[in-house]
Amino acid sequence: MDPRQAAYDVVVVGGSGVDTIVRVGSLPVPLADSVPVGPIEEWPGHTGGNVALGARALGLNVALLDYIGDDWIGAQVRERLAGGDVEFAPLISPAGTRRAVNLVDATGRRMSFYDGRDPADLRMPRDHYLPWLRRARHVHLSIMNFTRFLYDDIEALGIPVSTDLHDWDGVADHHREFALRSDLVFFSAAKTGDRAPTLMREILREGRAEIVVATAGADGAYLLTRDGDTTPLHVPAAVPPAPAVDSNGAGDAFVCGFLYGRLTGRDVRDCARLGTVAGAHACTAPGSTALISAAALRAADPVSAHAAVIQERLAADSES
């Protein structure tokens, strides 16, 4: 499949699949032979799919490259991406489509059981991904093993690249290359806790990143840049526009909000604030289905809303 567009704002590589959502009363789940739960639902997405869908909902021109299986799970992925108007260029993996089972409690917290299933020797052919990379303003790599082999070509083309390390502990080798070879690095502070600032400084010191963002759920996010202070800047969490029911996809939505800000010329603090707004919005519906639009994102952001009011007043003054 060849690219249909002359240019893409974001090309996402890897990370599609299907989540099976099981709603439980509390986490951890009590040990029992049988635990009654509410309706079990399946939602196509996963991290790469969520970033692609979320970025497209914000009006960005997006493509997703990945491996899926020739199976009914893969058909669900294709259907959702098509419904979200994401240009999808899949290759077929004999191992099948990735899956996860996510336990979600009454507050929206989750515990995920992830079945990555990609074989260790899986590689994406250069003649498949290069035509897309050459049309990309920005590349976002999911931390699939096969995507690490795209870095040399991305760097040779001079394209900015981001990645999300999720709940990296700062030690696991799998994540390290992604951390040190990306220009923009996201990770969750869920495992690192108080060590997050140290890890952020380490990524900047040892890698090529210009910006590192640690997301912290209800505590918002922390931002550190290469040319800024050595103490991370705290960006408070946004207030969800409705009760939080599911945190699946909130981190991916944060990435989308941040990238939208970055690609529309906002400064890094504004980008982080837009990320918190998108992340909060994502928690208001099940299965990463709450995709915020650009208009809603700007309206929910105080700085964007204030700027819009000023622009309207200036326009009215010029017409009078």
C-alpha atoms as a PDB file:
ATOM      1  CA  MET A   1       0.000   0.000   0.000  1.00  0.00           C
ATOM      2  CA  ASP A   2       1.407   3.382  -1.027  1.00  0.00           C
ATOM      3  CA  PRO A   3       0.882   6.717   0.755  1.00  0.00           C
ATOM      4  CA  ARG A   4      -2.159   8.617  -0.475  1.00  0.00           C
ATOM      5  CA  GLN A   5      -1.112  12.038   0.848  1.00  0.00           C
ATOM      6  CA  ALA A   6       1.726  14.349  -0.119  1.00  0.00           C
ATOM      7  CA  ALA A   7       2.501  14.965   3.567  1.00  0.00           C
ATOM      8  CA  TYR A   8       1.569  13.584   6.990  1.00  0.00           C
ATOM      9  CA  ASP A   9       1.673  15.533  10.233  1.00  0.00           C
ATOM     10  CA  VAL A  10       2.291  12.337  12.201  1.00  0.00           C
ATOM     11  CA  VAL A  11       3.284   8.851  11.107  1.00  0.00           C
ATOM     12  CA  VAL A  12       2.794   6.370  13.949  1.00  0.00           C
ATOM     13  CA  VAL A  13       4.642   3.050  13.787  1.00  0.00           C
ATOM     14  CA  GLY A  14       3.550   0.003  15.788  1.00  0.00           C
ATOM     15  CA  GLY A  15       1.300  -0.478  18.762  1.00  0.00           C
ATOM     16  CA  SER A  16      -2.129  -1.488  17.435  1.00  0.00           C
ATOM     17  CA  GLY A  17      -4.300  -4.188  18.983  1.00  0.00           C
ATOM     18  CA  VAL A  18      -7.486  -4.869  20.903  1.00  0.00           C
ATOM     19  CA  ASP A  19      -8.246  -4.357  24.606  1.00  0.00           C
ATOM     20  CA  THR A  20     -10.715  -6.577  26.419  1.00  0.00           C
ATOM     21  CA  ILE A  21     -12.124  -4.455  29.262  1.00  0.00           C
ATOM     22  CA  VAL A  22     -13.301  -6.194  32.440  1.00  0.00           C
ATOM     23  CA  ARG A  23     -14.894  -3.910  35.050  1.00  0.00           C
ATOM     24  CA  VAL A  24     -14.276  -5.001  38.630  1.00  0.00           C
ATOM     25  CA  GLY A  25     -15.314  -3.588  41.997  1.00  0.00           C
ATOM     26  CA  SER A  26     -11.781  -2.935  43.195  1.00  0.00           C
ATOM     27  CA  LEU A  27      -8.112  -3.613  42.528  1.00  0.00           C
ATOM     28  CA  PRO A  28      -6.517  -5.952  43.353  1.00  0.00           C
ATOM     29  CA  VAL A  29      -9.243  -8.420  42.524  1.00  0.00           C
ATOM     30  CA  PRO A  30     -10.105 -10.760  45.454  1.00  0.00           C
ATOM     31  CA  LEU A  31      -8.921 -14.325  45.064  1.00  0.00           C
ATOM     32  CA  ALA A  32     -11.939 -16.419  44.110  1.00  0.00           C
ATOM     33  CA  ASP A  33     -12.933 -19.148  41.683  1.00  0.00           C
ATOM     34  CA  SER A  34     -15.536 -16.861  40.114  1.00  0.00           C
ATOM     35  CA  VAL A  35     -15.969 -13.081  40.326  1.00  0.00           C
ATOM     36  CA  PRO A  36     -19.184 -11.532  38.932  1.00  0.00           C
ATOM     37  CA  VAL A  37     -18.432  -8.523  36.695  1.00  0.00           C
ATOM     38  CA  GLY A  38     -20.345  -6.175  34.437  1.00  0.00           C
ATOM     39  CA  PRO A  39     -20.485  -6.533  30.651  1.00  0.00           C
ATOM     40  CA  ILE A  40     -17.102  -7.450  29.184  1.00  0.00           C
ATOM     41  CA  GLU A  41     -16.281  -5.204  26.217  1.00  0.00           C
ATOM     42  CA  GLU A  42     -13.647  -5.166  23.483  1.00  0.00           C
ATOM     43  CA  TRP A  43     -12.143  -1.949  22.174  1.00  0.00           C
ATOM     44  CA  PRO A  44      -9.625  -1.809  19.325  1.00  0.00           C
ATOM     45  CA  GLY A  45      -6.835   0.653  19.947  1.00  0.00           C
ATOM     46  CA  HIS A  46      -3.695   0.008  22.017  1.00  0.00           C
ATOM     47  CA  THR A  47      -1.079   2.706  22.313  1.00  0.00           C
ATOM     48  CA  GLY A  48      -0.211   3.211  18.626  1.00  0.00           C
ATOM     49  CA  GLY A  49      -3.810   2.970  17.502  1.00  0.00           C
ATOM     50  CA  ASN A  50      -4.900   5.383  20.219  1.00  0.00           C
ATOM     51  CA  VAL A  51      -2.248   7.949  19.292  1.00  0.00           C
ATOM     52  CA  ALA A  52      -3.175   7.696  15.609  1.00  0.00           C
ATOM     53  CA  LEU A  53      -6.915   7.995  16.287  1.00  0.00           C
ATOM     54  CA  GLY A  54      -6.464  10.801  18.805  1.00  0.00           C
ATOM     55  CA  ALA A  55      -4.176  12.819  16.550  1.00  0.00           C
ATOM     56  CA  ARG A  56      -6.589  12.406  13.639  1.00  0.00           C
ATOM     57  CA  ALA A  57      -9.526  13.535  15.811  1.00  0.00           C
ATOM     58  CA  LEU A  58      -7.510  16.715  16.461  1.00  0.00           C
ATOM     59  CA  GLY A  59      -7.421  17.354  12.728  1.00  0.00           C
ATOM     60  CA  LEU A  60      -3.866  16.205  12.081  1.00  0.00           C
ATOM     61  CA  ASN A  61      -3.087  14.215   8.945  1.00  0.00           C
ATOM     62  CA  VAL A  62      -2.092  10.789  10.266  1.00  0.00           C
ATOM     63  CA  ALA A  63      -0.896   7.394   9.051  1.00  0.00           C
ATOM     64  CA  LEU A  64      -0.294   4.225  11.076  1.00  0.00           C
ATOM     65  CA  LEU A  65       2.143   1.498  10.008  1.00  0.00           C
ATOM     66  CA  ASP A  66       2.060  -1.799  11.858  1.00  0.00           C
ATOM     67  CA  TYR A  67       1.796  -5.572  11.879  1.00  0.00           C
ATOM     68  CA  ILE A  68      -1.550  -7.206  12.587  1.00  0.00           C
ATOM     69  CA  GLY A  69      -2.836 -10.730  12.171  1.00  0.00           C
ATOM     70  CA  ASP A  70      -5.078 -12.084   9.448  1.00  0.00           C
ATOM     71  CA  ASP A  71      -7.671 -12.743  12.140  1.00  0.00           C
ATOM     72  CA  TRP A  72     -10.938 -11.362  13.508  1.00  0.00           C
ATOM     73  CA  ILE A  73      -9.015  -9.252  16.041  1.00  0.00           C
ATOM     74  CA  GLY A  74      -7.091  -7.633  13.201  1.00  0.00           C
ATOM     75  CA  ALA A  75     -10.381  -6.984  11.404  1.00  0.00           C
ATOM     76  CA  GLN A  76     -11.561  -5.043  14.462  1.00  0.00           C
ATOM     77  CA  VAL A  77      -8.420  -2.903  14.323  1.00  0.00           C
ATOM     78  CA  ARG A  78      -8.930  -2.196  10.620  1.00  0.00           C
ATOM     79  CA  GLU A  79     -12.567  -1.269  11.168  1.00  0.00           C
ATOM     80  CA  ARG A  80     -11.907   1.164  13.998  1.00  0.00           C
ATOM     81  CA  LEU A  81      -9.046   2.909  12.220  1.00  0.00           C
ATOM     82  CA  ALA A  82     -11.153   3.253   9.081  1.00  0.00           C
ATOM     83  CA  GLY A  83     -13.986   4.676  11.177  1.00  0.00           C
ATOM     84  CA  GLY A  84     -11.570   7.198  12.652  1.00  0.00           C
ATOM     85  CA  ASP A  85     -10.299   8.210   9.205  1.00  0.00           C
ATOM     86  CA  VAL A  86      -6.748   7.031   9.950  1.00  0.00           C
ATOM     87  CA  GLU A  87      -4.745   5.907   6.936  1.00  0.00           C
ATOM     88  CA  PHE A  88      -3.557   2.404   7.861  1.00  0.00           C
ATOM     89  CA  ALA A  89      -0.764   0.497   6.127  1.00  0.00           C
ATOM     90  CA  PRO A  90      -0.609  -2.936   7.794  1.00  0.00           C
ATOM     91  CA  LEU A  91       1.571  -5.939   7.180  1.00  0.00           C
ATOM     92  CA  ILE A  92       0.391  -9.403   8.194  1.00  0.00           C
ATOM     93  CA  SER A  93       2.101 -11.125  11.112  1.00  0.00           C
ATOM     94  CA  PRO A  94       1.777 -14.914  11.375  1.00  0.00           C
ATOM     95  CA  ALA A  95       1.722 -14.486  15.165  1.00  0.00           C
ATOM     96  CA  GLY A  96      -1.631 -12.705  15.011  1.00  0.00           C
ATOM     97  CA  THR A  97      -2.891  -9.391  16.381  1.00  0.00           C
ATOM     98  CA  ARG A  98      -1.764  -8.127  19.774  1.00  0.00           C
ATOM     99  CA  ARG A  99      -4.267  -8.257  22.628  1.00  0.00           C
ATOM    100  CA  ALA A 100      -4.632  -7.129  26.228  1.00  0.00           C
ATOM    101  CA  VAL A 101      -7.052  -7.816  29.051  1.00  0.00           C
ATOM    102  CA  ASN A 102      -7.520  -4.746  31.233  1.00  0.00           C
ATOM    103  CA  LEU A 103      -9.143  -4.856  34.660  1.00  0.00           C
ATOM    104  CA  VAL A 104     -10.748  -1.485  35.427  1.00  0.00           C
ATOM    105  CA  ASP A 105     -12.066  -0.561  38.887  1.00  0.00           C
ATOM    106  CA  ALA A 106     -14.882   1.808  39.843  1.00  0.00           C
ATOM    107  CA  THR A 107     -12.526   4.835  39.940  1.00  0.00           C
ATOM    108  CA  GLY A 108     -11.173   4.182  36.439  1.00  0.00           C
ATOM    109  CA  ARG A 109      -7.824   2.723  37.562  1.00  0.00           C
ATOM    110  CA  ARG A 110      -6.630  -0.210  35.504  1.00  0.00           C
ATOM    111  CA  MET A 111      -4.396  -3.274  35.548  1.00  0.00           C
ATOM    112  CA  SER A 112      -3.391  -4.524  32.109  1.00  0.00           C
ATOM    113  CA  PHE A 113      -2.369  -8.026  31.021  1.00  0.00           C
ATOM    114  CA  TYR A 114      -0.592  -7.453  27.718  1.00  0.00           C
ATOM    115  CA  ASP A 115      -0.061 -10.133  25.048  1.00  0.00           C
ATOM    116  CA  GLY A 116       2.535  -8.594  22.712  1.00  0.00           C
ATOM    117  CA  ARG A 117       3.059 -11.833  20.745  1.00  0.00           C
ATOM    118  CA  ASP A 118       5.382 -10.349  18.079  1.00  0.00           C
ATOM    119  CA  PRO A 119       8.276 -12.727  17.323  1.00  0.00           C
ATOM    120  CA  ALA A 120      11.667 -11.374  18.378  1.00  0.00           C
ATOM    121  CA  ASP A 121      12.997 -11.466  14.817  1.00  0.00           C
ATOM    122  CA  LEU A 122      10.098  -9.492  13.318  1.00  0.00           C
ATOM    123  CA  ARG A 123      11.343  -6.641  11.086  1.00  0.00           C
ATOM    124  CA  MET A 124       9.434  -4.117   8.983  1.00  0.00           C
ATOM    125  CA  PRO A 125      10.851  -3.930   5.429  1.00  0.00           C
ATOM    126  CA  ARG A 126      12.418  -0.583   4.496  1.00  0.00           C
ATOM    127  CA  ASP A 127      10.518  -0.448   1.223  1.00  0.00           C
ATOM    128  CA  HIS A 128       7.300  -0.528   3.260  1.00  0.00           C
ATOM    129  CA  TYR A 129       8.032   2.268   5.726  1.00  0.00           C
ATOM    130  CA  LEU A 130      10.405   4.616   3.838  1.00  0.00           C
ATOM    131  CA  PRO A 131       7.753   6.105   1.493  1.00  0.00           C
ATOM    132  CA  TRP A 132       5.746   7.121   4.563  1.00  0.00           C
ATOM    133  CA  LEU A 133       8.695   8.476   6.532  1.00  0.00           C
ATOM    134  CA  ARG A 134       9.712  10.674   3.608  1.00  0.00           C
ATOM    135  CA  ARG A 135       6.303  12.388   3.810  1.00  0.00           C
ATOM    136  CA  ALA A 136       6.246  12.792   7.603  1.00  0.00           C
ATOM    137  CA  ARG A 137       6.592  15.985   9.635  1.00  0.00           C
ATOM    138  CA  HIS A 138       6.887  13.889  12.790  1.00  0.00           C
ATOM    139  CA  VAL A 139       7.237  10.173  13.603  1.00  0.00           C
ATOM    140  CA  HIS A 140       5.932   8.533  16.760  1.00  0.00           C
ATOM    141  CA  LEU A 141       7.408   5.100  17.535  1.00  0.00           C
ATOM    142  CA  SER A 142       5.552   2.699  19.809  1.00  0.00           C
ATOM    143  CA  ILE A 143       7.963   0.572  21.805  1.00  0.00           C
ATOM    144  CA  MET A 144       7.536  -2.591  19.730  1.00  0.00           C
ATOM    145  CA  ASN A 145      10.849  -4.365  19.253  1.00  0.00           C
ATOM    146  CA  PHE A 146      10.721  -4.077  15.453  1.00  0.00           C
ATOM    147  CA  THR A 147      10.290  -0.288  15.495  1.00  0.00           C
ATOM    148  CA  ARG A 148      13.734   0.293  17.030  1.00  0.00           C
ATOM    149  CA  PHE A 149      15.252  -0.692  13.683  1.00  0.00           C
ATOM    150  CA  LEU A 150      13.722   2.415  12.044  1.00  0.00           C
ATOM    151  CA  TYR A 151      15.841   4.878  14.027  1.00  0.00           C
ATOM    152  CA  ASP A 152      18.780   5.004  11.621  1.00  0.00           C
ATOM    153  CA  ASP A 153      16.524   5.924   8.695  1.00  0.00           C
ATOM    154  CA  ILE A 154      14.535   8.438  10.748  1.00  0.00           C
ATOM    155  CA  GLU A 155      17.742  10.169  11.827  1.00  0.00           C
ATOM    156  CA  ALA A 156      19.131  10.143   8.264  1.00  0.00           C
ATOM    157  CA  LEU A 157      15.947  11.837   7.049  1.00  0.00           C
ATOM    158  CA  GLY A 158      16.152  14.423   9.838  1.00  0.00           C
ATOM    159  CA  ILE A 159      12.589  13.842  11.071  1.00  0.00           C
ATOM    160  CA  PRO A 160      11.712  14.583  14.722  1.00  0.00           C
ATOM    161  CA  VAL A 161      10.710  11.401  16.550  1.00  0.00           C
ATOM    162  CA  SER A 162       8.822  10.808  19.786  1.00  0.00           C
ATOM    163  CA  THR A 163       8.146   7.727  21.871  1.00  0.00           C
ATOM    164  CA  ASP A 164       6.196   6.754  24.974  1.00  0.00           C
ATOM    165  CA  LEU A 165       8.069   4.499  27.402  1.00  0.00           C
ATOM    166  CA  HIS A 166       4.912   3.960  29.477  1.00  0.00           C
ATOM    167  CA  ASP A 167       5.772   2.725  32.987  1.00  0.00           C
ATOM    168  CA  TRP A 168       9.512   2.206  32.394  1.00  0.00           C
ATOM    169  CA  ASP A 169      11.402   1.662  35.627  1.00  0.00           C
ATOM    170  CA  GLY A 170      14.556   3.283  34.220  1.00  0.00           C
ATOM    171  CA  VAL A 171      16.345  -0.063  34.226  1.00  0.00           C
ATOM    172  CA  ALA A 172      14.775  -2.429  31.674  1.00  0.00           C
ATOM    173  CA  ASP A 173      16.969  -2.601  28.560  1.00  0.00           C
ATOM    174  CA  HIS A 174      14.047  -2.894  26.133  1.00  0.00           C
ATOM    175  CA  HIS A 175      13.103   0.769  26.635  1.00  0.00           C
ATOM    176  CA  ARG A 176      16.571   2.305  26.782  1.00  0.00           C
ATOM    177  CA  GLU A 177      17.245   2.679  23.074  1.00  0.00           C
ATOM    178  CA  PHE A 178      13.870   4.363  22.608  1.00  0.00           C
ATOM    179  CA  ALA A 179      14.646   6.683  25.529  1.00  0.00           C
ATOM    180  CA  LEU A 180      18.049   7.710  24.205  1.00  0.00           C
ATOM    181  CA  ARG A 181      17.315   7.978  20.469  1.00  0.00           C
ATOM    182  CA  SER A 182      14.096  10.010  20.521  1.00  0.00           C
ATOM    183  CA  ASP A 183      13.794  13.806  20.402  1.00  0.00           C
ATOM    184  CA  LEU A 184      10.659  13.857  22.555  1.00  0.00           C
ATOM    185  CA  VAL A 185      10.244  11.257  25.301  1.00  0.00           C
ATOM    186  CA  PHE A 186       7.132  10.522  27.347  1.00  0.00           C
ATOM    187  CA  PHE A 187       6.911   8.125  30.256  1.00  0.00           C
ATOM    188  CA  SER A 188       4.605   7.411  33.172  1.00  0.00           C
ATOM    189  CA  ALA A 189       5.904   8.097  36.658  1.00  0.00           C
ATOM    190  CA  ALA A 190       3.847   5.174  38.004  1.00  0.00           C
ATOM    191  CA  LYS A 191       6.913   2.989  38.678  1.00  0.00           C
ATOM    192  CA  THR A 192       9.610   5.593  39.189  1.00  0.00           C
ATOM    193  CA  GLY A 193       7.745   7.782  41.687  1.00  0.00           C
ATOM    194  CA  ASP A 194      10.222  10.166  43.348  1.00  0.00           C
ATOM    195  CA  ARG A 195      12.968   8.954  40.995  1.00  0.00           C
ATOM    196  CA  ALA A 196      11.207  10.474  37.950  1.00  0.00           C
ATOM    197  CA  PRO A 197      13.229  13.748  37.958  1.00  0.00           C
ATOM    198  CA  THR A 198      16.498  11.822  38.106  1.00  0.00           C
ATOM    199  CA  LEU A 199      15.417   9.630  35.198  1.00  0.00           C
ATOM    200  CA  MET A 200      14.345  12.697  33.195  1.00  0.00           C
ATOM    201  CA  ARG A 201      17.765  14.302  33.676  1.00  0.00           C
ATOM    202  CA  GLU A 202      19.481  11.027  32.742  1.00  0.00           C
ATOM    203  CA  ILE A 203      17.537  10.804  29.456  1.00  0.00           C
ATOM    204  CA  LEU A 204      18.504  14.375  28.551  1.00  0.00           C
ATOM    205  CA  ARG A 205      22.125  13.884  29.569  1.00  0.00           C
ATOM    206  CA  GLU A 206      22.744  10.555  27.829  1.00  0.00           C
ATOM    207  CA  GLY A 207      20.416  10.752  24.837  1.00  0.00           C
ATOM    208  CA  ARG A 208      19.342  13.103  22.069  1.00  0.00           C
ATOM    209  CA  ALA A 209      16.040  14.223  23.624  1.00  0.00           C
ATOM    210  CA  GLU A 210      15.208  17.919  23.719  1.00  0.00           C
ATOM    211  CA  ILE A 211      12.095  17.393  25.858  1.00  0.00           C
ATOM    212  CA  VAL A 212      11.154  14.757  28.446  1.00  0.00           C
ATOM    213  CA  VAL A 213       7.664  14.531  29.935  1.00  0.00           C
ATOM    214  CA  ALA A 214       6.684  12.395  32.925  1.00  0.00           C
ATOM    215  CA  THR A 215       2.933  11.939  33.245  1.00  0.00           C
ATOM    216  CA  ALA A 216       1.585  11.464  36.757  1.00  0.00           C
ATOM    217  CA  GLY A 217      -2.144  10.823  36.448  1.00  0.00           C
ATOM    218  CA  ALA A 218      -4.210  12.966  38.803  1.00  0.00           C
ATOM    219  CA  ASP A 219      -1.046  14.893  39.712  1.00  0.00           C
ATOM    220  CA  GLY A 220      -0.697  16.164  36.146  1.00  0.00           C
ATOM    221  CA  ALA A 221       2.683  16.027  34.434  1.00  0.00           C
ATOM    222  CA  TYR A 222       6.312  17.103  34.798  1.00  0.00           C
ATOM    223  CA  LEU A 223       8.289  18.728  32.015  1.00  0.00           C
ATOM    224  CA  LEU A 224      12.046  19.042  31.517  1.00  0.00           C
ATOM    225  CA  THR A 225      13.885  20.531  28.531  1.00  0.00           C
ATOM    226  CA  ARG A 226      17.524  20.446  27.513  1.00  0.00           C
ATOM    227  CA  ASP A 227      17.889  24.226  27.604  1.00  0.00           C
ATOM    228  CA  GLY A 228      15.823  24.812  30.752  1.00  0.00           C
ATOM    229  CA  ASP A 229      16.056  24.422  34.507  1.00  0.00           C
ATOM    230  CA  THR A 230      17.266  21.104  35.933  1.00  0.00           C
ATOM    231  CA  THR A 231      14.157  20.924  38.127  1.00  0.00           C
ATOM    232  CA  PRO A 232      11.136  19.589  36.228  1.00  0.00           C
ATOM    233  CA  LEU A 233       8.280  22.026  35.727  1.00  0.00           C
ATOM    234  CA  HIS A 234       4.997  20.803  37.210  1.00  0.00           C
ATOM    235  CA  VAL A 235       1.909  21.127  35.009  1.00  0.00           C
ATOM    236  CA  PRO A 236      -1.279  20.517  37.055  1.00  0.00           C
ATOM    237  CA  ALA A 237      -3.846  17.998  35.873  1.00  0.00           C
ATOM    238  CA  ALA A 238      -6.880  19.284  34.004  1.00  0.00           C
ATOM    239  CA  VAL A 239     -10.351  18.703  35.419  1.00  0.00           C
ATOM    240  CA  PRO A 240     -12.291  16.090  33.402  1.00  0.00           C
ATOM    241  CA  PRO A 241     -15.446  17.504  31.800  1.00  0.00           C
ATOM    242  CA  ALA A 242     -17.430  14.536  33.157  1.00  0.00           C
ATOM    243  CA  PRO A 243     -16.900  11.818  35.811  1.00  0.00           C
ATOM    244  CA  ALA A 244     -13.848   9.638  35.168  1.00  0.00           C
ATOM    245  CA  VAL A 245     -14.824   6.086  34.282  1.00  0.00           C
ATOM    246  CA  ASP A 246     -11.766   4.579  32.580  1.00  0.00           C
ATOM    247  CA  SER A 247      -8.093   5.590  32.431  1.00  0.00           C
ATOM    248  CA  ASN A 248      -7.384   3.391  29.395  1.00  0.00           C
ATOM    249  CA  GLY A 249      -5.813   5.577  26.728  1.00  0.00           C
ATOM    250  CA  ALA A 250      -5.323   8.635  28.954  1.00  0.00           C
ATOM    251  CA  GLY A 251      -1.552   8.609  28.483  1.00  0.00           C
ATOM    252  CA  ASP A 252      -1.954   8.184  24.728  1.00  0.00           C
ATOM    253  CA  ALA A 253      -4.392  11.120  24.674  1.00  0.00           C
ATOM    254  CA  PHE A 254      -1.816  13.224  26.556  1.00  0.00           C
ATOM    255  CA  VAL A 255       0.700  12.442  23.805  1.00  0.00           C
ATOM    256  CA  CYS A 256      -1.851  13.523  21.172  1.00  0.00           C
ATOM    257  CA  GLY A 257      -2.561  16.830  22.914  1.00  0.00           C
ATOM    258  CA  PHE A 258       1.144  17.526  23.307  1.00  0.00           C
ATOM    259  CA  LEU A 259       1.932  16.692  19.673  1.00  0.00           C
ATOM    260  CA  TYR A 260      -0.965  18.849  18.492  1.00  0.00           C
ATOM    261  CA  GLY A 261       0.503  21.779  20.414  1.00  0.00           C
ATOM    262  CA  ARG A 262       3.991  21.067  19.114  1.00  0.00           C
ATOM    263  CA  LEU A 263       2.897  20.816  15.483  1.00  0.00           C
ATOM    264  CA  THR A 264       0.828  24.000  15.702  1.00  0.00           C
ATOM    265  CA  GLY A 265       3.703  26.074  17.077  1.00  0.00           C
ATOM    266  CA  ARG A 266       2.867  26.221  20.779  1.00  0.00           C
ATOM    267  CA  ASP A 267       5.587  26.469  23.439  1.00  0.00           C
ATOM    268  CA  VAL A 268       6.378  23.365  25.470  1.00  0.00           C
ATOM    269  CA  ARG A 269       4.430  24.434  28.565  1.00  0.00           C
ATOM    270  CA  ASP A 270       1.326  25.052  26.456  1.00  0.00           C
ATOM    271  CA  CYS A 271       1.866  21.656  24.813  1.00  0.00           C
ATOM    272  CA  ALA A 272       1.939  19.943  28.211  1.00  0.00           C
ATOM    273  CA  ARG A 273      -1.192  21.764  29.308  1.00  0.00           C
ATOM    274  CA  LEU A 274      -2.991  20.660  26.135  1.00  0.00           C
ATOM    275  CA  GLY A 275      -1.818  17.136  26.925  1.00  0.00           C
ATOM    276  CA  THR A 276      -3.424  17.237  30.375  1.00  0.00           C
ATOM    277  CA  VAL A 277      -6.699  18.472  28.868  1.00  0.00           C
ATOM    278  CA  ALA A 278      -6.748  15.657  26.293  1.00  0.00           C
ATOM    279  CA  GLY A 279      -5.784  13.088  28.937  1.00  0.00           C
ATOM    280  CA  ALA A 280      -8.551  14.192  31.309  1.00  0.00           C
ATOM    281  CA  HIS A 281     -11.096  14.073  28.482  1.00  0.00           C
ATOM    282  CA  ALA A 282     -10.031  10.509  27.627  1.00  0.00           C
ATOM    283  CA  CYS A 283     -11.024   9.298  31.108  1.00  0.00           C
ATOM    284  CA  THR A 284     -14.698  10.183  30.613  1.00  0.00           C
ATOM    285  CA  ALA A 285     -15.652   7.246  28.366  1.00  0.00           C
ATOM    286  CA  PRO A 286     -14.793   3.535  28.267  1.00  0.00           C
ATOM    287  CA  GLY A 287     -12.074   1.892  26.238  1.00  0.00           C
ATOM    288  CA  SER A 288     -10.167   4.941  24.963  1.00  0.00           C
ATOM    289  CA  THR A 289     -13.186   6.076  22.945  1.00  0.00           C
ATOM    290  CA  ALA A 290     -13.287   9.700  24.185  1.00  0.00           C
ATOM    291  CA  LEU A 291     -11.316  11.433  21.438  1.00  0.00           C
ATOM    292  CA  ILE A 292     -11.203  15.191  21.875  1.00  0.00           C
ATOM    293  CA  SER A 293     -11.513  17.540  18.887  1.00  0.00           C
ATOM    294  CA  ALA A 294      -9.214  20.497  18.277  1.00  0.00           C
ATOM    295  CA  ALA A 295     -12.068  22.932  18.985  1.00  0.00           C
ATOM    296  CA  ALA A 296     -12.907  21.230  22.296  1.00  0.00           C
ATOM    297  CA  LEU A 297      -9.229  21.053  23.240  1.00  0.00           C
ATOM    298  CA  ARG A 298      -8.734  24.775  22.678  1.00  0.00           C
ATOM    299  CA  ALA A 299     -11.999  25.652  24.426  1.00  0.00           C
ATOM    300  CA  ALA A 300     -11.026  23.659  27.527  1.00  0.00           C
ATOM    301  CA  ASP A 301      -7.554  25.244  27.708  1.00  0.00           C
ATOM    302  CA  PRO A 302      -7.642  28.621  29.508  1.00  0.00           C
ATOM    303  CA  VAL A 303      -4.770  30.102  27.464  1.00  0.00           C
ATOM    304  CA  SER A 304      -6.282  29.015  24.134  1.00  0.00           C
ATOM    305  CA  ALA A 305      -9.732  30.229  25.158  1.00  0.00           C
ATOM    306  CA  HIS A 306      -8.348  33.619  26.272  1.00  0.00           C
ATOM    307  CA  ALA A 307      -6.413  33.990  23.015  1.00  0.00           C
ATOM    308  CA  ALA A 308      -9.568  33.204  21.034  1.00  0.00           C
ATOM    309  CA  VAL A 309     -11.496  35.915  22.888  1.00  0.00           C
ATOM    310  CA  ILE A 310      -8.740  38.464  22.173  1.00  0.00           C
ATOM    311  CA  GLN A 311      -8.706  37.495  18.481  1.00  0.00           C
ATOM    312  CA  GLU A 312     -12.493  37.877  18.265  1.00  0.00           C
ATOM    313  CA  ARG A 313     -12.310  41.327  19.846  1.00  0.00           C
ATOM    314  CA  LEU A 314      -9.533  42.409  17.501  1.00  0.00           C
ATOM    315  CA  ALA A 315     -11.510  41.155  14.513  1.00  0.00           C
ATOM    316  CA  ALA A 316     -14.605  43.034  15.694  1.00  0.00           C
ATOM    317  CA  ASP A 317     -12.597  46.199  16.239  1.00  0.00           C
ATOM    318  CA  SER A 318     -11.096  46.004  12.751  1.00  0.00           C
ATOM    319  CA  GLU A 319     -14.546  45.674  11.197  1.00  0.00           C
ATOM    320  CA  SER A 320     -16.001  48.623  13.112  1.00  0.00           C
END
